[in-house]
C-alpha atoms as a PDB file:
ATOM      1  CA  MET A   1       5.829  35.307  11.958  1.00  0.00           C
ATOM      2  CA  ALA A   2       7.888  35.819  15.097  1.00  0.00           C
ATOM      3  CA  GLY A   3      10.828  38.185  14.957  1.00  0.00           C
ATOM      4  CA  LEU A   4      12.760  41.086  16.436  1.00  0.00           C
ATOM      5  CA  SER A   5       9.749  43.245  17.285  1.00  0.00           C
ATOM      6  CA  ASP A   6       8.155  40.339  19.161  1.00  0.00           C
ATOM      7  CA  VAL A   7      11.284  39.638  21.211  1.00  0.00           C
ATOM      8  CA  ARG A   8      11.660  43.334  22.012  1.00  0.00           C
ATOM      9  CA  ALA A   9       7.978  43.455  23.034  1.00  0.00           C
ATOM     10  CA  VAL A  10       8.569  40.537  25.413  1.00  0.00           C
ATOM     11  CA  GLY A  11      11.400  42.477  27.028  1.00  0.00           C
ATOM     12  CA  GLU A  12       9.433  45.717  27.261  1.00  0.00           C
ATOM     13  CA  GLN A  13       6.394  44.001  28.767  1.00  0.00           C
ATOM     14  CA  ILE A  14       8.526  42.309  31.403  1.00  0.00           C
ATOM     15  CA  VAL A  15      10.978  45.120  32.262  1.00  0.00           C
ATOM     16  CA  GLY A  16       8.393  47.928  32.409  1.00  0.00           C
ATOM     17  CA  PRO A  17       6.008  46.398  34.970  1.00  0.00           C
ATOM     18  CA  ILE A  18       8.824  44.819  36.994  1.00  0.00           C
ATOM     19  CA  CYS A  19      10.923  47.965  37.313  1.00  0.00           C
ATOM     20  CA  GLY A  20       8.407  50.729  37.676  1.00  0.00           C
ATOM     21  CA  ASN A  21      10.325  53.744  38.960  1.00  0.00           C
ATOM     22  CA  ARG A  22      12.947  51.833  40.924  1.00  0.00           C
ATOM     23  CA  ALA A  23      15.222  48.843  40.466  1.00  0.00           C
ATOM     24  CA  ARG A  24      14.132  45.431  41.773  1.00  0.00           C
ATOM     25  CA  LYS A  25      16.126  42.544  43.180  1.00  0.00           C
ATOM     26  CA  TYR A  26      15.237  39.999  40.502  1.00  0.00           C
ATOM     27  CA  GLU A  27      17.562  37.528  38.858  1.00  0.00           C
ATOM     28  CA  GLU A  28      17.187  35.394  35.743  1.00  0.00           C
ATOM     29  CA  ARG A  29      15.600  32.544  37.663  1.00  0.00           C
ATOM     30  CA  ASP A  30      12.905  34.968  38.912  1.00  0.00           C
ATOM     31  CA  VAL A  31      12.225  36.548  35.517  1.00  0.00           C
ATOM     32  CA  CYS A  32      12.161  33.346  33.424  1.00  0.00           C
ATOM     33  CA  PRO A  33       8.719  32.160  34.667  1.00  0.00           C
ATOM     34  CA  MET A  34       7.289  35.629  33.981  1.00  0.00           C
ATOM     35  CA  VAL A  35       8.614  35.548  30.422  1.00  0.00           C
ATOM     36  CA  HIS A  36       7.190  32.053  29.930  1.00  0.00           C
ATOM     37  CA  ALA A  37       3.758  33.113  31.215  1.00  0.00           C
ATOM     38  CA  TYR A  38       3.751  36.169  28.937  1.00  0.00           C
ATOM     39  CA  LEU A  39       4.719  34.068  25.905  1.00  0.00           C
ATOM     40  CA  LEU A  40       2.011  31.484  26.619  1.00  0.00           C
ATOM     41  CA  GLY A  41      -0.636  34.192  26.785  1.00  0.00           C
ATOM     42  CA  ARG A  42       0.531  36.030  23.682  1.00  0.00           C
ATOM     43  CA  TYR A  43       1.894  33.537  21.130  1.00  0.00           C
ATOM     44  CA  SER A  44       1.208  30.087  19.786  1.00  0.00           C
ATOM     45  CA  GLY A  45       3.639  27.207  19.814  1.00  0.00           C
ATOM     46  CA  VAL A  46       5.633  28.250  22.872  1.00  0.00           C
ATOM     47  CA  LYS A  47       8.249  25.738  23.953  1.00  0.00           C
ATOM     48  CA  ARG A  48      10.669  26.036  26.830  1.00  0.00           C
ATOM     49  CA  GLU A  49      14.056  24.320  27.103  1.00  0.00           C
ATOM     50  CA  VAL A  50      14.473  23.401  23.420  1.00  0.00           C
ATOM     51  CA  PRO A  51      17.372  20.956  22.878  1.00  0.00           C
ATOM     52  CA  VAL A  52      20.474  21.719  20.795  1.00  0.00           C
ATOM     53  CA  TRP A  53      22.961  18.934  20.133  1.00  0.00           C
ATOM     54  CA  PHE A  54      26.710  19.509  20.538  1.00  0.00           C
ATOM     55  CA  GLY A  55      28.082  16.230  19.293  1.00  0.00           C
ATOM     56  CA  ALA A  56      26.899  13.664  21.824  1.00  0.00           C
ATOM     57  CA  SER A  57      25.938  16.217  24.487  1.00  0.00           C
ATOM     58  CA  LYS A  58      22.629  18.038  24.621  1.00  0.00           C
ATOM     59  CA  ARG A  59      22.149  21.629  25.782  1.00  0.00           C
ATOM     60  CA  TYR A  60      18.954  23.653  26.009  1.00  0.00           C
ATOM     61  CA  ILE A  61      17.821  27.022  24.652  1.00  0.00           C
ATOM     62  CA  ASP A  62      15.464  28.949  26.938  1.00  0.00           C
ATOM     63  CA  PHE A  63      12.518  29.656  24.600  1.00  0.00           C
ATOM     64  CA  ARG A  64      11.138  28.913  21.148  1.00  0.00           C
ATOM     65  CA  PHE A  65       7.918  30.600  20.037  1.00  0.00           C
ATOM     66  CA  GLY A  66       6.061  31.777  16.986  1.00  0.00           C
ATOM     67  CA  ASP A  67       3.727  30.344  14.420  1.00  0.00           C
ATOM     68  CA  TRP A  68       4.640  26.735  15.123  1.00  0.00           C
ATOM     69  CA  GLY A  69       1.634  24.634  14.289  1.00  0.00           C
ATOM     70  CA  TYR A  70       0.292  27.345  12.000  1.00  0.00           C
ATOM     71  CA  GLY A  71       3.378  28.086   9.921  1.00  0.00           C
ATOM     72  CA  ASN A  72       7.110  27.586   9.926  1.00  0.00           C
ATOM     73  CA  ASN A  73       8.655  30.831  11.172  1.00  0.00           C
ATOM     74  CA  PRO A  74       9.441  30.397  14.859  1.00  0.00           C
ATOM     75  CA  CYS A  75      12.267  32.174  16.637  1.00  0.00           C
ATOM     76  CA  VAL A  76      14.443  31.128  19.558  1.00  0.00           C
ATOM     77  CA  PHE A  77      15.959  33.216  22.296  1.00  0.00           C
ATOM     78  CA  GLU A  78      18.102  33.011  25.373  1.00  0.00           C
ATOM     79  CA  LEU A  79      17.564  35.285  28.332  1.00  0.00           C
ATOM     80  CA  ALA A  80      20.166  37.182  30.367  1.00  0.00           C
ATOM     81  CA  VAL A  81      19.219  39.493  33.236  1.00  0.00           C
ATOM     82  CA  ARG A  82      21.172  42.207  35.043  1.00  0.00           C
ATOM     83  CA  GLY A  83      19.598  42.921  38.405  1.00  0.00           C
ATOM     84  CA  CYS A  84      19.472  46.102  40.442  1.00  0.00           C
ATOM     85  CA  GLU A  85      22.928  45.529  41.937  1.00  0.00           C
ATOM     86  CA  GLY A  86      24.565  45.923  38.511  1.00  0.00           C
ATOM     87  CA  GLY A  87      27.339  43.670  37.292  1.00  0.00           C
ATOM     88  CA  ALA A  88      28.614  42.220  34.045  1.00  0.00           C
ATOM     89  CA  GLN A  89      25.812  39.721  33.376  1.00  0.00           C
ATOM     90  CA  LEU A  90      25.068  41.292  29.992  1.00  0.00           C
ATOM     91  CA  SER A  91      28.607  41.280  28.583  1.00  0.00           C
ATOM     92  CA  ALA A  92      29.600  38.997  25.716  1.00  0.00           C
ATOM     93  CA  SER A  93      32.080  36.990  27.780  1.00  0.00           C
ATOM     94  CA  GLN A  94      29.448  36.258  30.434  1.00  0.00           C
ATOM     95  CA  ASN A  95      27.033  35.032  27.742  1.00  0.00           C
ATOM     96  CA  ARG A  96      29.440  32.717  25.909  1.00  0.00           C
ATOM     97  CA  PRO A  97      27.337  29.539  26.458  1.00  0.00           C
ATOM     98  CA  GLU A  98      24.212  31.314  25.223  1.00  0.00           C
ATOM     99  CA  LEU A  99      25.988  32.583  22.109  1.00  0.00           C
ATOM    100  CA  GLN A 100      27.343  29.090  21.424  1.00  0.00           C
ATOM    101  CA  LYS A 101      23.896  27.501  21.682  1.00  0.00           C
ATOM    102  CA  LEU A 102      22.149  30.136  19.592  1.00  0.00           C
ATOM    103  CA  SER A 103      24.780  30.248  16.874  1.00  0.00           C
ATOM    104  CA  ARG A 104      24.604  26.464  16.472  1.00  0.00           C
ATOM    105  CA  PHE A 105      20.787  26.260  16.418  1.00  0.00           C
ATOM    106  CA  PRO A 106      19.713  24.993  12.952  1.00  0.00           C
ATOM    107  CA  PRO A 107      18.335  27.753  10.703  1.00  0.00           C
ATOM    108  CA  GLU A 108      15.507  25.551   9.435  1.00  0.00           C
ATOM    109  CA  ARG A 109      14.181  25.295  13.012  1.00  0.00           C
ATOM    110  CA  ALA A 110      14.392  29.065  13.659  1.00  0.00           C
ATOM    111  CA  ASN A 111      13.319  30.933  10.535  1.00  0.00           C
ATOM    112  CA  GLY A 112      12.224  33.903  12.656  1.00  0.00           C
ATOM    113  CA  GLY A 113      15.727  34.374  14.027  1.00  0.00           C
ATOM    114  CA  ARG A 114      18.047  33.750  16.949  1.00  0.00           C
ATOM    115  CA  PHE A 115      18.052  36.285  19.758  1.00  0.00           C
ATOM    116  CA  LEU A 116      19.893  36.911  22.980  1.00  0.00           C
ATOM    117  CA  LEU A 117      17.486  39.017  25.051  1.00  0.00           C
ATOM    118  CA  LEU A 118      19.340  41.159  27.582  1.00  0.00           C
ATOM    119  CA  LEU A 119      16.972  42.484  30.242  1.00  0.00           C
ATOM    120  CA  ASP A 120      18.420  45.269  32.352  1.00  0.00           C
ATOM    121  CA  LEU A 121      16.626  45.874  35.658  1.00  0.00           C
ATOM    122  CA  HIS A 122      19.302  48.261  36.934  1.00  0.00           C
ATOM    123  CA  LEU A 123      18.443  51.916  37.478  1.00  0.00           C
ATOM    124  CA  ASN A 124      21.010  53.150  34.910  1.00  0.00           C
ATOM    125  CA  PRO A 125      21.018  51.677  31.386  1.00  0.00           C
ATOM    126  CA  ILE A 126      24.084  50.467  29.503  1.00  0.00           C
ATOM    127  CA  LEU A 127      24.608  52.645  26.449  1.00  0.00           C
ATOM    128  CA  GLU A 128      24.963  50.994  23.061  1.00  0.00           C
ATOM    129  CA  SER A 129      28.405  52.565  22.692  1.00  0.00           C
ATOM    130  CA  GLU A 130      29.507  50.651  25.820  1.00  0.00           C
ATOM    131  CA  LEU A 131      27.946  47.270  25.000  1.00  0.00           C
ATOM    132  CA  ARG A 132      28.511  47.032  21.228  1.00  0.00           C
ATOM    133  CA  PRO A 133      32.368  46.890  21.246  1.00  0.00           C
ATOM    134  CA  GLY A 134      32.298  43.857  23.527  1.00  0.00           C
ATOM    135  CA  TYR A 135      30.033  41.912  21.164  1.00  0.00           C
ATOM    136  CA  ASP A 136      31.694  43.187  17.988  1.00  0.00           C
ATOM    137  CA  SER A 137      35.102  41.933  19.114  1.00  0.00           C
ATOM    138  CA  TYR A 138      33.929  38.676  20.745  1.00  0.00           C
ATOM    139  CA  TYR A 139      35.106  35.510  19.001  1.00  0.00           C
ATOM    140  CA  LEU A 140      34.143  31.980  20.059  1.00  0.00           C
ATOM    141  CA  GLY A 141      37.205  30.419  18.483  1.00  0.00           C
ATOM    142  CA  LYS A 142      37.678  27.887  15.757  1.00  0.00           C
ATOM    143  CA  GLY A 143      35.107  25.204  15.171  1.00  0.00           C
ATOM    144  CA  LYS A 144      34.095  22.774  12.489  1.00  0.00           C
ATOM    145  CA  TYR A 145      30.383  23.559  12.740  1.00  0.00           C
ATOM    146  CA  LEU A 146      28.594  26.251  10.793  1.00  0.00           C
ATOM    147  CA  ARG A 147      27.562  29.110  13.071  1.00  0.00           C
ATOM    148  CA  GLN A 148      24.801  31.623  12.423  1.00  0.00           C
ATOM    149  CA  SER A 149      24.660  35.271  13.482  1.00  0.00           C
ATOM    150  CA  VAL A 150      22.700  36.201  16.603  1.00  0.00           C
ATOM    151  CA  SER A 151      20.701  39.379  17.262  1.00  0.00           C
ATOM    152  CA  VAL A 152      21.470  40.726  20.715  1.00  0.00           C
ATOM    153  CA  CYS A 153      18.466  42.733  21.959  1.00  0.00           C
ATOM    154  CA  TYR A 154      19.060  45.014  24.933  1.00  0.00           C
ATOM    155  CA  VAL A 155      15.973  46.192  26.837  1.00  0.00           C
ATOM    156  CA  HIS A 156      15.940  48.653  29.731  1.00  0.00           C
ATOM    157  CA  ARG A 157      12.895  50.604  30.843  1.00  0.00           C
ATOM    158  CA  ASP A 158      14.374  53.805  29.317  1.00  0.00           C
ATOM    159  CA  LEU A 159      16.350  52.403  26.382  1.00  0.00           C
ATOM    160  CA  HIS A 160      16.383  49.533  23.897  1.00  0.00           C
ATOM    161  CA  TYR A 161      18.552  48.653  20.913  1.00  0.00           C
ATOM    162  CA  ARG A 162      19.880  45.727  18.884  1.00  0.00           C
ATOM    163  CA  VAL A 163      23.407  44.573  18.155  1.00  0.00           C
ATOM    164  CA  ILE A 164      24.202  41.902  15.553  1.00  0.00           C
ATOM    165  CA  TRP A 165      26.832  39.439  16.740  1.00  0.00           C
ATOM    166  CA  LYS A 166      28.662  37.654  13.904  1.00  0.00           C
ATOM    167  CA  PRO A 167      30.447  34.506  15.088  1.00  0.00           C
ATOM    168  CA  LEU A 168      32.866  33.973  12.229  1.00  0.00           C
ATOM    169  CA  GLU A 169      34.649  37.298  12.356  1.00  0.00           C
ATOM    170  CA  ALA A 170      37.829  37.203  14.394  1.00  0.00           C
ATOM    171  CA  GLN A 171      38.912  40.694  15.412  1.00  0.00           C
ATOM    172  CA  SER A 172      42.512  41.319  16.366  1.00  0.00           C
END
C-alpha cells in the first residue's frame, strides 16, 4: 500500500542526490522527470497526469502510484519545488491549484492518500513553524463539492515534516 512514508521517500531520494552539499538551479519542470523515473523503478502502477474533472473542464494531477493492478490502495500527489534562489513556491497561496485538484480527487481512487510534495532545493530549510500557519489558515472558499484533506509533505536535505491541510475549516 502506498502512503506517507513512500511519498517522503520519493522526496528524500530526489532531494538528497540533487542537492549534495550545495543548492542547485533546478525547477519543477527539471525535477518532474526525475521523480517519474524514480517512481517507475520503485513502484507498480505509476501513472502521470491523472485527470480530475471540475464540472466540464479537466485538470491533471502530477502522479498516481501504488499497488494499482495488484490491489486498490494507490496514492496521488502533486509536486512543488523551491529552487536555490528561494522564493514563495512552497506557500499555500502559490499552491492553490494543486490543493484544489487534490482535495477534489475522489477518495475511492486514492485510498493511499492525497499529498502535496514540497521539495526544497534551497540551502536553508523552511521551518515547520514558518510553513504551518500559512496552510492552517488557508481557505479555498465556498464550494458545492465535497473536499478531502491533503497531507502536505515538506522535504529538504536536512529536514522533513508533514502538515495536514483541512479544506473545510475557514479561519478568521
